[in-house]
Protein backbone atom coordinates (compact mmCIF):
# COMPACT_ATOMS: atom_id res chain seq x y z
CA MET A 1 109.19 106.97 106.97
CA ALA A 2 105.73 105.63 107.58
CA LEU A 3 104.30 102.59 105.90
CA ALA A 4 101.35 104.36 104.34
CA PRO A 5 103.01 105.73 101.18
CA LEU A 6 103.34 102.18 99.90
CA ILE A 7 100.73 100.15 101.73
CA HIS A 8 97.44 101.99 102.05
CA GLU A 9 94.22 100.25 102.86
CA SER A 10 91.33 100.25 100.42
CA PRO A 11 87.75 98.95 100.66
CA LYS A 12 88.82 95.94 98.62
CA THR A 13 89.42 92.64 100.29
CA LYS A 14 92.59 90.70 99.72
CA LYS A 15 93.70 87.26 98.66
CA SER A 16 96.66 85.21 99.81
CA ARG A 17 98.62 82.14 98.95
CA ARG A 18 99.23 78.78 100.57
CA PRO A 19 102.46 78.11 102.46
CA SER A 20 105.45 77.47 100.24
CA ALA A 21 108.40 75.24 101.11
CA SER A 22 110.68 77.94 99.76
CA ARG A 23 109.53 80.51 102.29
CA ALA A 24 111.79 81.27 105.22
CA ASP A 25 109.46 81.40 108.22
CA THR A 26 110.51 78.75 110.71
CA ASP A 27 107.05 78.02 112.06
CA GLN A 28 105.56 77.68 108.54
CA THR A 29 102.60 79.93 109.19
CA PRO A 30 99.57 78.90 107.11
CA ARG A 31 98.13 81.33 104.59
CA TYR A 32 94.60 82.62 104.77
CA SER A 33 92.76 85.25 102.82
CA ALA A 34 90.08 87.87 102.73
CA ALA A 35 88.84 87.82 99.16
CA PRO A 36 85.32 87.06 97.99
CA SER A 37 84.66 86.66 94.29
CA ASP A 38 82.99 89.42 92.31
CA GLU A 39 79.91 87.19 92.05
CA ASP A 40 78.54 85.01 94.83
CA PRO A 41 79.09 81.32 94.08
CA GLU A 42 79.89 80.65 97.74
CA SER A 43 76.22 81.11 98.68
CA SER A 44 75.56 77.67 97.19
CA TYR A 45 78.39 75.96 99.07
CA PRO A 46 77.29 73.61 101.88
CA HIS A 47 77.51 74.48 105.53
CA PRO A 48 79.84 72.34 107.64
CA SER A 49 78.23 69.05 108.59
CA GLY A 50 79.29 65.72 109.97
CA LYS A 51 83.07 65.48 110.19
CA THR A 52 83.77 69.03 109.06
CA GLU A 53 81.31 70.39 111.61
CA ARG A 54 83.00 68.42 114.38
CA GLN A 55 86.44 69.57 113.26
CA LEU A 56 85.31 73.20 113.25
CA ALA A 57 83.75 72.84 116.70
CA ARG A 58 86.99 71.42 118.05
CA ALA A 59 89.01 74.14 116.32
CA GLY A 60 86.72 76.71 117.92
CA ARG A 61 87.39 75.31 121.40
CA ILE A 62 91.13 75.30 120.78
CA ALA A 63 90.98 78.84 119.42
CA GLU A 64 89.08 79.96 122.53
CA ARG A 65 91.86 78.61 124.72
CA GLN A 66 94.47 80.31 122.57
CA VAL A 67 92.59 83.60 122.79
CA ASP A 68 92.22 83.18 126.56
CA ARG A 69 95.98 82.81 126.89
CA ALA A 70 96.49 85.91 124.77
CA ILE A 71 94.05 87.83 127.00
CA ARG A 72 95.84 86.63 130.15
CA SER A 73 99.17 87.72 128.69
CA LEU A 74 97.75 91.14 127.89
CA GLY A 75 96.30 91.37 131.39
CA ARG A 76 99.74 90.72 132.86
CA LEU A 77 101.21 93.39 130.59
CA THR A 78 98.93 96.01 132.13
CA GLN A 79 100.83 95.31 135.36
CA GLY A 80 104.24 95.15 133.71
CA GLY A 81 104.10 91.55 132.57
CA ARG A 82 106.66 88.81 132.25
CA SER A 83 109.66 89.20 129.97
CA SER A 84 108.03 86.74 127.53
CA ASP A 85 104.83 88.82 127.48
CA GLN A 86 106.83 91.93 126.64
CA ARG A 87 108.87 90.13 123.97
CA ASN A 88 105.80 88.67 122.27
CA PHE A 89 103.89 91.95 122.28
CA ARG A 90 106.83 93.98 121.01
CA ALA A 91 107.45 91.44 118.23
CA VAL A 92 103.94 91.92 116.86
CA PHE A 93 102.48 95.23 118.05
CA GLY A 94 105.46 97.35 119.11
CA GLU A 95 106.00 99.02 122.45
CA PRO A 96 103.55 97.77 125.13
CA GLU A 97 102.00 101.16 125.83
CA PRO A 98 98.72 101.17 127.82
CA ALA A 99 96.54 102.48 124.97
CA ARG A 100 97.97 99.95 122.52
CA ILE A 101 97.56 97.07 124.96
CA ASP A 102 93.96 98.12 125.58
CA GLU A 103 93.12 98.20 121.87
CA VAL A 104 94.63 94.75 121.29
CA LEU A 105 92.79 93.46 124.35
CA GLN A 106 89.46 94.79 123.07
CA THR A 107 89.96 93.01 119.75
CA PHE A 108 90.74 89.72 121.47
CA HIS A 109 87.59 90.03 123.60
CA LYS A 110 85.58 90.47 120.38
CA LEU A 111 87.27 87.41 118.91
CA LYS A 112 86.40 85.40 122.03
CA ALA A 113 82.75 86.37 121.71
CA ARG A 114 82.78 85.27 118.06
CA LEU A 115 84.35 81.94 118.91
CA ALA A 116 81.76 81.28 121.60
CA ASP A 117 79.10 81.54 118.90
CA ILE A 118 80.70 79.19 116.39
CA ASP A 119 78.51 76.20 117.24
CA SER A 120 75.27 78.10 116.67
CA GLN A 121 76.53 79.84 113.48
CA GLU A 122 73.93 82.55 114.13
CA SER A 123 76.22 85.49 113.41
CA LEU A 124 78.43 83.84 110.79
CA ASP A 125 77.92 82.17 107.46
CA LEU A 126 80.36 79.23 107.47
CA ARG A 127 80.77 77.28 104.22
CA VAL A 128 82.89 74.43 102.87
CA ALA A 129 84.32 74.91 99.38
CA PRO A 130 84.18 72.13 96.77
CA GLU A 131 87.42 70.43 95.73
CA ASP A 132 87.60 72.30 92.43
CA GLU A 133 87.21 75.80 93.93
CA ALA A 134 89.85 77.92 92.18
CA GLU A 135 90.42 80.10 95.24
CA CYS A 136 91.43 77.01 97.22
CA GLN A 137 94.36 76.34 94.91
CA SER A 138 96.18 79.14 96.72
CA SER A 139 94.36 79.40 100.07
CA LEU A 140 93.34 77.42 103.12
CA ALA A 141 90.32 79.61 103.87
CA TYR A 142 88.97 82.98 102.82
CA THR A 143 86.66 85.54 104.28
CA SER A 144 84.01 87.92 103.01
CA PRO A 145 83.84 90.66 105.66
CA GLY A 146 80.74 92.25 104.12
CA ASP A 147 78.46 89.27 104.68
CA LYS A 148 80.35 87.61 107.58
CA ARG A 149 81.03 84.55 105.45
CA ILE A 150 84.06 82.28 105.92
CA VAL A 151 84.75 79.61 103.30
CA PHE A 152 86.96 76.71 104.34
CA CYS A 153 89.02 74.72 101.84
CA ASP A 154 89.83 71.03 102.15
CA SER A 155 93.39 71.93 103.09
CA PHE A 156 92.12 73.74 106.18
CA PHE A 157 90.78 70.49 107.61
CA GLU A 158 94.16 68.83 107.03
CA LEU A 159 95.92 71.25 109.38
CA ASP A 160 97.20 70.34 112.81
CA PRO A 161 94.37 71.08 115.33
CA LYS A 162 96.31 73.93 116.93
CA GLN A 163 96.90 75.49 113.53
CA ARG A 164 93.19 75.17 112.76
CA GLY A 165 92.53 77.13 115.93
CA LEU A 166 94.92 79.86 114.86
CA SER A 167 93.29 79.83 111.41
CA LEU A 168 89.92 80.58 112.99
CA ILE A 169 91.43 83.45 114.96
CA HIS A 170 92.84 84.81 111.72
CA GLU A 171 89.57 84.52 109.81
CA PHE A 172 87.46 85.89 112.65
CA ALA A 173 89.84 88.86 112.83
CA HIS A 174 88.90 89.58 109.21
CA VAL A 175 85.21 89.34 110.12
CA GLU A 176 85.86 91.90 112.88
CA GLY A 177 87.17 94.30 110.25
CA LEU A 178 90.92 93.68 110.30
CA ARG A 179 91.44 93.81 106.58
CA SER A 180 95.23 93.73 106.22
CA ASP A 181 96.85 90.46 105.12
CA LEU A 182 100.58 90.81 105.68
CA TYR A 183 102.26 87.61 106.79
CA SER A 184 104.92 86.78 109.35
CA ASP A 185 107.23 85.14 106.81
CA SER A 186 107.48 88.37 104.82
CA ARG A 187 109.89 91.25 105.19
CA VAL A 188 107.11 93.76 105.73
CA PHE A 189 105.80 91.95 108.82
CA ASP A 190 109.04 92.80 110.64
CA LEU A 191 108.26 96.48 110.08
CA LEU A 192 104.66 96.50 111.29
CA ALA A 193 105.43 96.85 114.97
CA THR A 194 107.69 99.85 114.38
CA GLU A 195 105.56 101.82 111.92
CA PRO A 196 103.68 104.84 113.33
CA ALA A 197 100.03 105.60 112.71
CA VAL A 198 99.38 107.80 109.66
CA ASP A 199 96.59 110.29 109.05
CA GLY A 200 94.77 109.18 112.18
CA GLU A 201 94.48 105.58 111.01
CA ARG A 202 95.15 102.75 113.40
CA GLU A 203 98.64 101.37 113.26
CA TYR A 204 98.98 98.65 110.66
CA ALA A 205 99.81 95.88 113.11
CA LEU A 206 96.55 96.65 114.92
CA ARG A 207 94.50 95.90 111.81
CA ASN A 208 96.48 93.03 110.39
CA ALA A 209 94.79 89.66 110.95
CA GLU A 210 98.09 87.79 110.97
CA SER A 211 99.33 89.96 113.85
CA PHE A 212 96.55 88.66 116.09
CA ASP A 213 96.88 84.99 115.23
CA ARG A 214 100.67 85.27 115.70
CA PHE A 215 100.33 86.88 119.13
CA ALA A 216 97.90 84.13 120.11
CA ALA A 217 100.39 81.55 118.84
CA PHE A 218 103.22 83.10 120.87
CA ALA A 219 101.13 83.54 124.02
CA SER A 220 99.94 79.92 123.90
CA GLY A 221 103.40 78.51 123.13
CA VAL A 222 102.54 77.21 119.65
CA ALA A 223 105.28 79.29 118.03
CA ARG A 224 108.03 81.75 118.90
CA PRO A 225 108.99 84.96 117.09
CA THR A 226 112.23 84.68 115.13
CA TRP A 227 112.75 88.41 114.57
CA ILE A 228 113.20 89.42 118.21
CA ASP A 229 115.58 88.14 120.88
CA ASP A 230 115.04 87.26 124.53
CA ASP A 231 115.80 90.85 125.50
CA ALA A 232 112.96 92.03 123.22
CA GLN A 233 115.41 93.60 120.77
CA PHE A 234 114.63 93.35 117.07
CA VAL A 235 116.84 91.07 115.00
CA ASP A 236 117.40 91.78 111.31
CA ARG A 237 116.72 88.27 110.04
CA ARG A 238 116.87 89.25 106.35
CA ASN A 239 119.96 91.38 105.77
CA ALA A 240 123.69 91.13 106.48
CA TRP A 241 125.16 94.65 106.56
CA SER A 242 128.65 95.86 105.73
CA GLY A 243 130.35 99.11 104.81
CA GLU A 244 129.75 102.47 106.45
CA ARG A 245 126.84 101.89 108.82
CA ASP A 246 124.02 104.40 108.46
CA PRO A 247 120.88 103.53 110.48
CA GLY A 248 118.69 105.90 108.47
CA LEU A 249 119.77 104.47 105.12
CA GLU A 250 119.52 100.92 106.45
CA SER A 251 115.93 101.60 107.47
CA LEU A 252 115.07 102.88 103.97
CA VAL A 253 116.68 99.84 102.35
CA ARG A 254 114.80 97.43 104.63
CA ARG A 255 111.54 99.13 103.79
CA ALA A 256 112.20 99.23 100.06
CA LEU A 257 113.07 95.52 100.05
CA ALA A 258 109.95 94.75 102.10
CA TYR A 259 107.63 96.62 99.77
CA ALA A 260 109.34 95.17 96.69
CA GLU A 261 108.71 91.68 98.05
CA GLN A 262 105.04 92.51 98.62
CA TRP A 263 104.61 93.71 95.04
CA VAL A 264 106.03 90.41 93.80
CA LEU A 265 103.91 88.33 96.18
CA TRP A 266 100.74 90.11 95.12
CA GLY A 267 101.67 89.68 91.46
CA ARG A 268 102.17 85.94 91.96
CA GLU A 269 98.87 85.64 93.81
CA ASP A 270 97.09 87.18 90.82
CA LEU A 271 98.91 84.83 88.44
CA GLY A 272 98.07 81.83 90.62
CA ARG A 273 94.35 82.54 90.44
CA ILE A 274 94.52 82.93 86.66
CA ALA A 275 96.53 79.70 86.33
CA HIS A 276 93.77 77.86 88.19
CA GLY A 277 90.96 79.09 86.02
CA LYS A 278 89.97 82.57 87.14
CA ALA A 279 89.50 84.89 84.18
CA PRO A 280 91.93 87.84 84.13
CA THR A 281 90.54 91.34 84.19
CA ALA A 282 90.76 93.57 81.12
CA ASP A 283 93.72 95.42 82.62
CA GLN A 284 95.48 92.17 83.47
CA LYS A 285 94.96 90.87 79.94
CA LEU A 286 96.55 93.99 78.49
CA LEU A 287 99.54 93.88 80.85
CA LEU A 288 100.11 90.14 80.47
CA ALA A 289 99.78 90.28 76.69
CA THR A 290 102.42 93.01 76.59
CA ILE A 291 104.81 90.93 78.69
CA ALA A 292 104.16 87.78 76.62
CA ARG A 293 104.32 89.72 73.33
CA ILE A 294 101.01 88.39 72.05
CA THR A 295 97.82 89.85 70.63
CA PRO A 296 95.04 88.60 72.90
CA ASP A 297 91.72 87.29 71.64
CA VAL A 298 88.86 85.21 73.02
CA SER A 299 90.87 81.99 72.60
CA THR A 300 94.00 83.17 74.43
CA PRO A 301 95.04 80.41 76.89
CA TRP A 302 95.71 82.68 79.84
CA SER A 303 96.12 79.83 82.34
CA THR A 304 99.03 78.56 80.24
CA ILE A 305 100.59 81.93 79.43
CA VAL A 306 100.92 82.97 83.06
CA VAL A 307 102.99 79.88 83.95
CA ASP A 308 106.17 81.20 82.30
CA ILE A 309 105.62 84.66 83.75
CA ASP A 310 105.13 83.21 87.22
CA SER A 311 108.35 81.20 86.88
CA LYS A 312 110.33 84.41 86.41
CA LEU A 313 108.52 86.09 89.29
CA GLY A 314 109.32 83.05 91.41
CA GLN A 315 113.01 83.80 90.89
CA LEU A 316 112.38 87.42 91.74
CA GLU A 317 110.52 86.46 94.93
CA SER A 318 113.37 84.19 95.97
CA ALA A 319 115.87 86.98 95.36
CA VAL A 320 114.06 89.81 97.12
CA GLY A 321 112.69 87.65 99.95
CA GLY A 322 115.90 85.83 100.81
CA THR A 323 118.78 86.90 103.01
CA MET A 324 120.54 89.83 101.38
CA LYS A 325 124.12 91.00 101.79
CA VAL A 326 123.88 94.77 101.75
CA GLU A 327 126.89 97.06 101.48
CA LEU A 328 126.54 100.78 102.17
CA LEU A 329 128.88 102.98 100.17
CA PRO A 330 129.33 106.77 100.24
CA SER A 331 129.22 107.32 96.46
CA CYS A 332 126.87 104.70 95.11
CA LYS A 333 123.18 104.89 94.30
CA LEU A 334 122.17 101.32 93.54
CA GLY A 335 123.86 98.19 92.26
CA LEU A 336 123.68 94.46 92.78
CA SER A 337 125.56 91.26 92.12
CA PRO A 338 123.62 88.53 90.33
CA ARG A 339 124.61 84.95 91.02
CA TYR A 340 123.63 82.10 88.73
CA HIS A 341 123.18 78.47 89.67
CA ASP A 342 121.43 75.39 88.37
CA ALA A 343 118.38 74.06 90.17
CA ALA A 344 117.03 70.80 88.74
CA ASP A 345 119.08 71.48 85.59
CA VAL A 346 117.37 74.85 85.13
CA PRO A 347 119.60 77.96 85.26
CA GLN A 348 118.31 80.36 87.91
CA ALA A 349 119.50 83.70 89.14
CA THR A 350 119.49 85.20 92.59
CA ILE A 351 121.08 88.24 94.17
CA SER A 352 124.26 87.72 96.17
CA ARG A 353 124.85 91.34 97.12
CA LEU A 354 123.13 94.71 97.07
CA ARG A 355 125.06 97.98 97.17
CA VAL A 356 123.44 101.30 97.92
CA GLY A 357 124.51 104.81 98.82
CA PRO A 358 123.03 108.08 100.08
CA GLU A 359 121.49 108.99 96.71
CA PHE A 360 119.18 105.99 97.03
CA ALA A 361 117.57 107.81 99.94
CA ASP A 362 116.86 110.86 97.77
CA GLN A 363 114.25 108.96 95.75
CA ALA A 364 110.55 108.93 96.61
CA PRO A 365 109.41 105.78 98.46
CA VAL A 366 107.69 104.17 95.48
CA ARG A 367 110.62 105.05 93.24
CA ARG A 368 112.98 103.17 95.58
CA VAL A 369 110.85 100.04 95.17
CA TRP A 370 110.67 100.60 91.42
CA SER A 371 114.47 100.97 91.23
CA LEU A 372 115.12 97.81 93.22
CA LEU A 373 112.79 95.66 91.16
CA SER A 374 114.07 97.17 87.93
CA ALA A 375 117.64 96.35 88.91
CA MET A 376 116.72 92.78 89.82
CA LEU A 377 114.74 92.18 86.65
CA THR A 378 117.63 93.51 84.59
CA SER A 379 120.01 91.14 86.35
CA PHE A 380 117.69 88.28 85.34
CA GLY A 381 117.96 89.23 81.68
CA ILE A 382 114.87 91.44 81.34
CA ASP A 383 115.95 94.78 79.88
CA GLY A 384 114.67 98.10 78.61
CA LEU A 385 110.98 98.40 77.84
CA ASP A 386 110.48 94.77 78.85
CA THR A 387 111.45 95.74 82.39
CA LEU A 388 108.90 98.55 82.35
CA ASP A 389 106.16 96.12 81.25
CA TRP A 390 106.90 93.78 84.15
CA LEU A 391 107.00 96.67 86.61
CA LYS A 392 103.64 97.94 85.39
CA PHE A 393 102.13 94.52 86.04
CA LEU A 394 103.55 94.41 89.58
CA ARG A 395 102.41 97.96 90.28
CA HIS A 396 98.92 97.06 89.06
CA ALA A 397 98.84 94.02 91.35
CA ALA A 398 99.82 96.20 94.31
CA ASP A 399 97.11 98.71 93.45
CA GLN A 400 94.47 95.98 93.33
CA HIS A 401 95.48 94.64 96.72
CA VAL A 402 95.96 97.85 98.65
CA GLY A 403 94.32 100.63 96.68
CA GLU A 404 95.94 103.65 95.11
CA LEU A 405 99.47 104.28 96.30
CA ARG A 406 100.17 107.74 97.66
CA SER A 407 102.72 108.87 95.12
CA GLY A 408 102.26 110.86 91.93
CA PRO A 409 103.20 109.77 88.42
CA SER A 410 106.58 111.53 88.68
CA ASP A 411 107.61 109.00 91.31
CA LEU A 412 107.25 106.24 88.74
CA ASP A 413 108.99 107.95 85.84
CA PRO A 414 110.96 105.06 84.33
CA THR A 415 113.64 107.34 82.87
CA PRO A 416 116.87 106.46 84.71
CA ALA A 417 118.41 109.35 86.57
CA THR A 418 122.08 110.23 86.32
CA ARG A 419 123.87 108.51 89.15
CA PRO A 420 127.42 107.71 90.22
CA ALA A 421 128.71 104.29 89.26
CA CYS A 422 128.78 101.61 91.94
CA PRO A 423 132.23 100.02 92.05
CA THR A 424 132.74 96.80 90.15
CA ALA A 425 133.07 93.68 92.26
CA PRO A 426 134.87 90.45 91.29
CA ASP A 427 131.70 88.36 91.37
CA ASP A 428 130.25 89.78 88.15
CA PHE A 429 128.99 92.89 89.92
CA GLU A 430 126.73 94.85 87.63
CA ASP A 431 126.18 98.59 87.84
CA LEU A 432 122.51 99.30 87.25
């Protein structure tokens, strides 16, 4: 199954979050974004000067060296390459086929030309955000591809110099038109290198900014991929499998979990911006008011209301993004085992086990994501129509970040289908 039914590019730019200590990526990849505001307040922000200008110039030189090492690695790959070159490429872009290597190489040459121009700032509009910029509460930097503007937050200048270099590569990749923002600490990133092109579009890894800064990081020795071994074989770093092994079903489950995590991440990004002062859209107000069971008016304190909603989504992100024990059964559609524990004296739920069977595969792609999230929300005490309200908010967030999803309304029919019961397990297993 291709990635496009659930992640389809739109003309809209995207926004991302800062690194979180709860995330699982071992090299703690920084977060960047590609999301200008609807208006244009950034045009009044100052250009880098003094210390920030010097820091950017140094970051540019470091980034040039990192890009050079990536280009040298790609050059070796055209002749077969070292085992490390093959491993790094396969981890990010898939099989090192000549046409794919050439396309990646062309993009890196464009990035090198951009970096060489950073001191003159003739082709870019570089700005420094003020301390109270709401976007900087969840980002290190963000890019406006339309006007070639990159806005740097204070937190960007606090990065390690090598990470600042990789940040520039990431942002310049957005300027060059790579609009995807899917990160290496997410489940979906592990799928990018194996997803085929759809409808003539370039493969997703080839237009994902993070893919290029990660390859540069690997080629220059700043980081190492954790989802591929020394023999360039993919490692499932998220799921522990048991039961009757079925590679096709396992692939569908991995994808459904990956897309479910992305829906939650995008929902939390939207909530984070609202919590830090950005006014919600009319659609967001309606969806959030339904979840919170309030009647909104001009005095509604949205920045306060979203805090409780985000807390619940934080549990959901931890559950869907963490390591999952998955059992494949011949006569089970979908079930999971919630596990409850106290964290800082606050009861929290996570998922200890997921059980699926062949009927899970019979659902449309979006419906599989819907079913997973519905099951998890129910295990966290959100039932019935409440579950539907939360799912509508997450679906809306996904639409805003990636455009209309390629599935009709029937795929999202919330009416539960008749399905065989998943067997009860001793650890409070719940059939959903």
